[in-house]
Amino acid sequence: MHNVLETATLKLGTVASNVVGVSGRRMLRAVAAGAADPTVWAEFAKGRWRDKLPALRLALHGRVPAHHRQLLGELLGELLDHLEYVERGIHRLERQIADLVAEQEHAIDLLLTLPVTGPVTAATILAEIGTDLPRCPSAAHLASWAGGCPGNNRSAGKQRGGATTKGNTQLKTILCELAATIARSPGT
């Protein structure tokens, strides 16, 4: 898609970070349909793209011959079909996850009190830890089980190494990402 746009001297990628977002799709459909005026294409911009209209108009000035329009139409059709298929799959999985964790609403609500936790992250933490924690009587035990504690390789008064333990890699990844996000968040 980017290659076809570049060869048609349409520099949409320099202005927009997501060429196949809602605004980008609308513009590309207009180009593929045969609309000839770049100012008309730019008017399909929505949201924050409206702030970039002058740069967008400049980026859309180019030559779009018939074969480029045909390529854009075919690529756009295939790409959008694939994107919609993937989005439907993601939506279906999110509904299934929501159904599975619905009975654990109290635990999810507690996890959502963390400053940057979303429902998917909360469901993932719940899936990894569970709701019944007899094997983890304290936070230190849970941190060790997740692999967030430093190793202890000491012998004869000498400290060797100190790499963190292996632990549960999925939980460790999620908790480390949450900690880094919270550390960068203002007021936390």
C-alpha atoms as a PDB file:
ATOM      1  CA  MET A   1       0.000   0.000   0.000  1.00  0.00           C
ATOM      2  CA  HIS A   2       2.737   2.432   0.970  1.00  0.00           C
ATOM      3  CA  ASN A   3       4.729   1.549  -2.126  1.00  0.00           C
ATOM      4  CA  VAL A   4       1.760   2.232  -4.417  1.00  0.00           C
ATOM      5  CA  LEU A   5       1.095   5.531  -2.650  1.00  0.00           C
ATOM      6  CA  GLU A   6       4.742   6.565  -2.947  1.00  0.00           C
ATOM      7  CA  THR A   7       4.938   5.720  -6.656  1.00  0.00           C
ATOM      8  CA  ALA A   8       1.794   7.792  -7.183  1.00  0.00           C
ATOM      9  CA  THR A   9       3.611  10.609  -5.289  1.00  0.00           C
ATOM     10  CA  LEU A  10       0.974  10.613  -2.561  1.00  0.00           C
ATOM     11  CA  LYS A  11       2.897  11.216   0.682  1.00  0.00           C
ATOM     12  CA  LEU A  12       0.048  10.293   3.028  1.00  0.00           C
ATOM     13  CA  GLY A  13       2.400   8.314   5.271  1.00  0.00           C
ATOM     14  CA  THR A  14       4.419  11.439   6.100  1.00  0.00           C
ATOM     15  CA  VAL A  15       1.388  13.160   7.636  1.00  0.00           C
ATOM     16  CA  ALA A  16      -0.517  10.226   9.093  1.00  0.00           C
ATOM     17  CA  SER A  17       0.883   7.550  11.354  1.00  0.00           C
ATOM     18  CA  ASN A  18      -1.912   5.116  10.443  1.00  0.00           C
ATOM     19  CA  VAL A  19      -2.686   5.229   6.722  1.00  0.00           C
ATOM     20  CA  VAL A  20      -5.387   2.574   7.030  1.00  0.00           C
ATOM     21  CA  GLY A  21      -7.216   4.201   9.928  1.00  0.00           C
ATOM     22  CA  VAL A  22     -10.748   5.556   9.480  1.00  0.00           C
ATOM     23  CA  SER A  23      -9.663   8.797   7.791  1.00  0.00           C
ATOM     24  CA  GLY A  24      -7.006   7.092   5.686  1.00  0.00           C
ATOM     25  CA  ARG A  25      -9.489   4.483   4.465  1.00  0.00           C
ATOM     26  CA  ARG A  26     -11.967   7.164   3.469  1.00  0.00           C
ATOM     27  CA  MET A  27      -9.302   9.068   1.526  1.00  0.00           C
ATOM     28  CA  LEU A  28      -7.946   5.965  -0.180  1.00  0.00           C
ATOM     29  CA  ARG A  29     -11.456   4.932  -1.219  1.00  0.00           C
ATOM     30  CA  ALA A  30     -11.979   8.381  -2.761  1.00  0.00           C
ATOM     31  CA  VAL A  31      -8.676   8.122  -4.649  1.00  0.00           C
ATOM     32  CA  ALA A  32      -9.498   4.606  -5.880  1.00  0.00           C
ATOM     33  CA  ALA A  33     -13.014   5.701  -6.909  1.00  0.00           C
ATOM     34  CA  GLY A  34     -11.573   8.351  -9.209  1.00  0.00           C
ATOM     35  CA  ALA A  35     -11.981  11.618  -7.318  1.00  0.00           C
ATOM     36  CA  ALA A  36      -9.325  13.881  -8.802  1.00  0.00           C
ATOM     37  CA  ASP A  37      -8.997  16.810  -6.406  1.00  0.00           C
ATOM     38  CA  PRO A  38      -6.593  16.463  -3.440  1.00  0.00           C
ATOM     39  CA  THR A  39      -8.538  19.091  -1.502  1.00  0.00           C
ATOM     40  CA  VAL A  40     -11.604  16.841  -1.749  1.00  0.00           C
ATOM     41  CA  TRP A  41      -9.543  13.879  -0.509  1.00  0.00           C
ATOM     42  CA  ALA A  42      -8.275  15.923   2.433  1.00  0.00           C
ATOM     43  CA  GLU A  43     -11.846  16.772   3.472  1.00  0.00           C
ATOM     44  CA  PHE A  44     -12.374  13.110   4.371  1.00  0.00           C
ATOM     45  CA  ALA A  45     -10.085  13.645   7.376  1.00  0.00           C
ATOM     46  CA  LYS A  46     -11.648  13.151  10.790  1.00  0.00           C
ATOM     47  CA  GLY A  47     -10.604  13.878  14.366  1.00  0.00           C
ATOM     48  CA  ARG A  48      -7.017  15.004  14.912  1.00  0.00           C
ATOM     49  CA  TRP A  49      -6.338  14.774  11.174  1.00  0.00           C
ATOM     50  CA  ARG A  50      -8.487  17.918  10.773  1.00  0.00           C
ATOM     51  CA  ASP A  51      -5.714  19.872  12.507  1.00  0.00           C
ATOM     52  CA  LYS A  52      -3.288  18.746   9.785  1.00  0.00           C
ATOM     53  CA  LEU A  53      -5.392  19.782   6.762  1.00  0.00           C
ATOM     54  CA  PRO A  54      -2.799  22.123   5.147  1.00  0.00           C
ATOM     55  CA  ALA A  55      -0.038  19.479   5.418  1.00  0.00           C
ATOM     56  CA  LEU A  56      -2.488  16.820   4.295  1.00  0.00           C
ATOM     57  CA  ARG A  57      -3.424  18.769   1.158  1.00  0.00           C
ATOM     58  CA  LEU A  58       0.274  19.133   0.286  1.00  0.00           C
ATOM     59  CA  ALA A  59       0.915  15.433   0.896  1.00  0.00           C
ATOM     60  CA  LEU A  60      -1.961  14.433  -1.374  1.00  0.00           C
ATOM     61  CA  HIS A  61      -0.800  16.438  -4.410  1.00  0.00           C
ATOM     62  CA  GLY A  62       0.496  13.899  -6.866  1.00  0.00           C
ATOM     63  CA  ARG A  63      -0.145  12.009 -10.076  1.00  0.00           C
ATOM     64  CA  VAL A  64      -2.516   9.097  -9.742  1.00  0.00           C
ATOM     65  CA  PRO A  65      -2.781   7.357 -13.107  1.00  0.00           C
ATOM     66  CA  ALA A  66      -5.481   4.801 -13.824  1.00  0.00           C
ATOM     67  CA  HIS A  67      -3.294   1.780 -13.070  1.00  0.00           C
ATOM     68  CA  HIS A  68      -2.438   3.215  -9.625  1.00  0.00           C
ATOM     69  CA  ARG A  69      -6.139   3.747  -8.940  1.00  0.00           C
ATOM     70  CA  GLN A  70      -6.802   0.132  -9.898  1.00  0.00           C
ATOM     71  CA  LEU A  71      -3.951  -1.125  -7.684  1.00  0.00           C
ATOM     72  CA  LEU A  72      -5.117   1.034  -4.791  1.00  0.00           C
ATOM     73  CA  GLY A  73      -8.671  -0.246  -5.197  1.00  0.00           C
ATOM     74  CA  GLU A  74      -7.581  -3.891  -5.237  1.00  0.00           C
ATOM     75  CA  LEU A  75      -5.075  -3.525  -2.401  1.00  0.00           C
ATOM     76  CA  LEU A  76      -7.487  -1.500  -0.325  1.00  0.00           C
ATOM     77  CA  GLY A  77     -10.257  -4.031  -0.818  1.00  0.00           C
ATOM     78  CA  GLU A  78      -8.052  -6.964   0.171  1.00  0.00           C
ATOM     79  CA  LEU A  79      -6.436  -5.099   3.036  1.00  0.00           C
ATOM     80  CA  LEU A  80      -9.714  -3.836   4.463  1.00  0.00           C
ATOM     81  CA  ASP A  81     -11.290  -7.277   4.176  1.00  0.00           C
ATOM     82  CA  HIS A  82      -8.357  -8.734   6.082  1.00  0.00           C
ATOM     83  CA  LEU A  83      -8.428  -5.963   8.727  1.00  0.00           C
ATOM     84  CA  GLU A  84     -12.155  -6.413   9.255  1.00  0.00           C
ATOM     85  CA  TYR A  85     -11.675 -10.176   9.583  1.00  0.00           C
ATOM     86  CA  VAL A  86      -8.956  -9.697  12.218  1.00  0.00           C
ATOM     87  CA  GLU A  87     -11.004  -7.048  14.069  1.00  0.00           C
ATOM     88  CA  ARG A  88     -14.021  -9.388  14.168  1.00  0.00           C
ATOM     89  CA  GLY A  89     -11.801 -12.139  15.604  1.00  0.00           C
ATOM     90  CA  ILE A  90     -10.403  -9.803  18.266  1.00  0.00           C
ATOM     91  CA  HIS A  91     -13.902  -8.625  19.185  1.00  0.00           C
ATOM     92  CA  ARG A  92     -15.128 -12.234  19.432  1.00  0.00           C
ATOM     93  CA  LEU A  93     -12.214 -13.166  21.722  1.00  0.00           C
ATOM     94  CA  GLU A  94     -12.772 -10.114  23.924  1.00  0.00           C
ATOM     95  CA  ARG A  95     -16.441 -11.113  24.339  1.00  0.00           C
ATOM     96  CA  GLN A  96     -15.411 -14.664  25.282  1.00  0.00           C
ATOM     97  CA  ILE A  97     -12.908 -13.336  27.836  1.00  0.00           C
ATOM     98  CA  ALA A  98     -15.561 -11.013  29.283  1.00  0.00           C
ATOM     99  CA  ASP A  99     -17.983 -13.939  29.600  1.00  0.00           C
ATOM    100  CA  LEU A 100     -15.361 -16.101  31.320  1.00  0.00           C
ATOM    101  CA  VAL A 101     -14.385 -13.472  33.892  1.00  0.00           C
ATOM    102  CA  ALA A 102     -17.941 -12.220  34.508  1.00  0.00           C
ATOM    103  CA  GLU A 103     -18.301 -14.513  37.516  1.00  0.00           C
ATOM    104  CA  GLN A 104     -15.110 -13.038  39.004  1.00  0.00           C
ATOM    105  CA  GLU A 105     -16.404  -9.463  38.858  1.00  0.00           C
ATOM    106  CA  HIS A 106     -15.197  -8.552  42.361  1.00  0.00           C
ATOM    107  CA  ALA A 107     -11.625  -9.679  41.618  1.00  0.00           C
ATOM    108  CA  ILE A 108     -11.637  -7.774  38.298  1.00  0.00           C
ATOM    109  CA  ASP A 109     -12.925  -4.638  40.047  1.00  0.00           C
ATOM    110  CA  LEU A 110     -10.081  -4.872  42.553  1.00  0.00           C
ATOM    111  CA  LEU A 111      -7.497  -5.222  39.778  1.00  0.00           C
ATOM    112  CA  LEU A 112      -9.041  -2.277  37.913  1.00  0.00           C
ATOM    113  CA  THR A 113      -8.224  -0.044  40.896  1.00  0.00           C
ATOM    114  CA  LEU A 114      -4.589  -0.117  39.767  1.00  0.00           C
ATOM    115  CA  PRO A 115      -3.848   3.214  38.036  1.00  0.00           C
ATOM    116  CA  VAL A 116      -3.243   1.894  34.501  1.00  0.00           C
ATOM    117  CA  THR A 117      -4.986  -1.476  34.410  1.00  0.00           C
ATOM    118  CA  GLY A 118      -7.539  -2.146  31.698  1.00  0.00           C
ATOM    119  CA  PRO A 119     -10.057  -4.978  31.534  1.00  0.00           C
ATOM    120  CA  VAL A 120      -7.877  -7.197  29.331  1.00  0.00           C
ATOM    121  CA  THR A 121      -4.852  -6.770  31.604  1.00  0.00           C
ATOM    122  CA  ALA A 122      -6.985  -7.433  34.678  1.00  0.00           C
ATOM    123  CA  ALA A 123      -8.406 -10.590  33.093  1.00  0.00           C
ATOM    124  CA  THR A 124      -4.900 -11.772  32.188  1.00  0.00           C
ATOM    125  CA  ILE A 125      -3.612 -11.217  35.728  1.00  0.00           C
ATOM    126  CA  LEU A 126      -6.650 -13.045  37.096  1.00  0.00           C
ATOM    127  CA  ALA A 127      -6.077 -15.938  34.695  1.00  0.00           C
ATOM    128  CA  GLU A 128      -2.429 -16.263  35.738  1.00  0.00           C
ATOM    129  CA  ILE A 129      -2.881 -15.837  39.495  1.00  0.00           C
ATOM    130  CA  GLY A 130      -6.391 -17.142  40.046  1.00  0.00           C
ATOM    131  CA  THR A 131      -8.702 -16.114  42.879  1.00  0.00           C
ATOM    132  CA  ASP A 132      -7.742 -18.740  45.450  1.00  0.00           C
ATOM    133  CA  LEU A 133      -4.204 -18.135  46.675  1.00  0.00           C
ATOM    134  CA  PRO A 134      -3.328 -20.758  49.298  1.00  0.00           C
ATOM    135  CA  ARG A 135       0.122 -21.203  47.717  1.00  0.00           C
ATOM    136  CA  CYS A 136       0.940 -17.482  48.117  1.00  0.00           C
ATOM    137  CA  PRO A 137       0.356 -16.418  51.734  1.00  0.00           C
ATOM    138  CA  SER A 138       2.019 -13.004  51.183  1.00  0.00           C
ATOM    139  CA  ALA A 139       2.918 -10.499  48.500  1.00  0.00           C
ATOM    140  CA  ALA A 140       6.562 -11.594  48.733  1.00  0.00           C
ATOM    141  CA  HIS A 141       5.575 -15.179  47.907  1.00  0.00           C
ATOM    142  CA  LEU A 142       3.538 -13.986  44.917  1.00  0.00           C
ATOM    143  CA  ALA A 143       6.430 -11.824  43.679  1.00  0.00           C
ATOM    144  CA  SER A 144       8.765 -14.793  43.976  1.00  0.00           C
ATOM    145  CA  TRP A 145       6.320 -17.089  42.149  1.00  0.00           C
ATOM    146  CA  ALA A 146       5.982 -14.501  39.355  1.00  0.00           C
ATOM    147  CA  GLY A 147       9.767 -14.336  39.020  1.00  0.00           C
ATOM    148  CA  GLY A 148      10.170 -10.779  40.248  1.00  0.00           C
ATOM    149  CA  CYS A 149      12.618 -11.488  43.073  1.00  0.00           C
ATOM    150  CA  PRO A 150      16.377 -11.481  42.653  1.00  0.00           C
ATOM    151  CA  GLY A 151      18.151 -14.787  42.814  1.00  0.00           C
ATOM    152  CA  ASN A 152      20.256 -15.693  45.819  1.00  0.00           C
ATOM    153  CA  ASN A 153      23.480 -17.458  44.951  1.00  0.00           C
ATOM    154  CA  ARG A 154      25.565 -17.161  48.105  1.00  0.00           C
ATOM    155  CA  SER A 155      28.102 -19.638  49.326  1.00  0.00           C
ATOM    156  CA  ALA A 156      30.887 -19.348  51.918  1.00  0.00           C
ATOM    157  CA  GLY A 157      30.124 -15.678  52.423  1.00  0.00           C
ATOM    158  CA  LYS A 158      30.513 -14.837  48.744  1.00  0.00           C
ATOM    159  CA  GLN A 159      27.705 -13.423  46.649  1.00  0.00           C
ATOM    160  CA  ARG A 160      27.672 -14.751  43.075  1.00  0.00           C
ATOM    161  CA  GLY A 161      25.142 -13.697  40.475  1.00  0.00           C
ATOM    162  CA  GLY A 162      21.769 -12.325  41.351  1.00  0.00           C
ATOM    163  CA  ALA A 163      19.645 -12.782  38.264  1.00  0.00           C
ATOM    164  CA  THR A 164      15.916 -12.887  38.862  1.00  0.00           C
ATOM    165  CA  THR A 165      14.269 -16.253  39.115  1.00  0.00           C
ATOM    166  CA  LYS A 166      12.466 -17.741  36.129  1.00  0.00           C
ATOM    167  CA  GLY A 167       8.935 -17.782  37.580  1.00  0.00           C
ATOM    168  CA  ASN A 168       5.733 -17.320  35.565  1.00  0.00           C
ATOM    169  CA  THR A 169       6.927 -15.457  32.457  1.00  0.00           C
ATOM    170  CA  GLN A 170       3.490 -14.205  31.358  1.00  0.00           C
ATOM    171  CA  LEU A 171       2.661 -12.774  34.775  1.00  0.00           C
ATOM    172  CA  LYS A 172       6.147 -11.326  35.173  1.00  0.00           C
ATOM    173  CA  THR A 173       5.863  -9.557  31.802  1.00  0.00           C
ATOM    174  CA  ILE A 174       2.475  -8.050  32.624  1.00  0.00           C
ATOM    175  CA  LEU A 175       3.501  -6.906  36.096  1.00  0.00           C
ATOM    176  CA  CYS A 176       6.760  -5.373  34.813  1.00  0.00           C
ATOM    177  CA  GLU A 177       4.875  -3.480  32.080  1.00  0.00           C
ATOM    178  CA  LEU A 178       2.356  -2.227  34.655  1.00  0.00           C
ATOM    179  CA  ALA A 179       5.143  -1.114  36.997  1.00  0.00           C
ATOM    180  CA  ALA A 180       6.939   0.749  34.193  1.00  0.00           C
ATOM    181  CA  THR A 181       3.721   2.450  33.085  1.00  0.00           C
ATOM    182  CA  ILE A 182       2.823   3.444  36.622  1.00  0.00           C
ATOM    183  CA  ALA A 183       6.336   4.814  37.156  1.00  0.00           C
ATOM    184  CA  ARG A 184       5.957   7.053  34.074  1.00  0.00           C
ATOM    185  CA  SER A 185       2.425   8.189  34.995  1.00  0.00           C
ATOM    186  CA  PRO A 186       2.135  11.596  36.671  1.00  0.00           C
ATOM    187  CA  GLY A 187       0.825  11.622  40.226  1.00  0.00           C
ATOM    188  CA  THR A 188       1.575   7.981  41.004  1.00  0.00           C
END
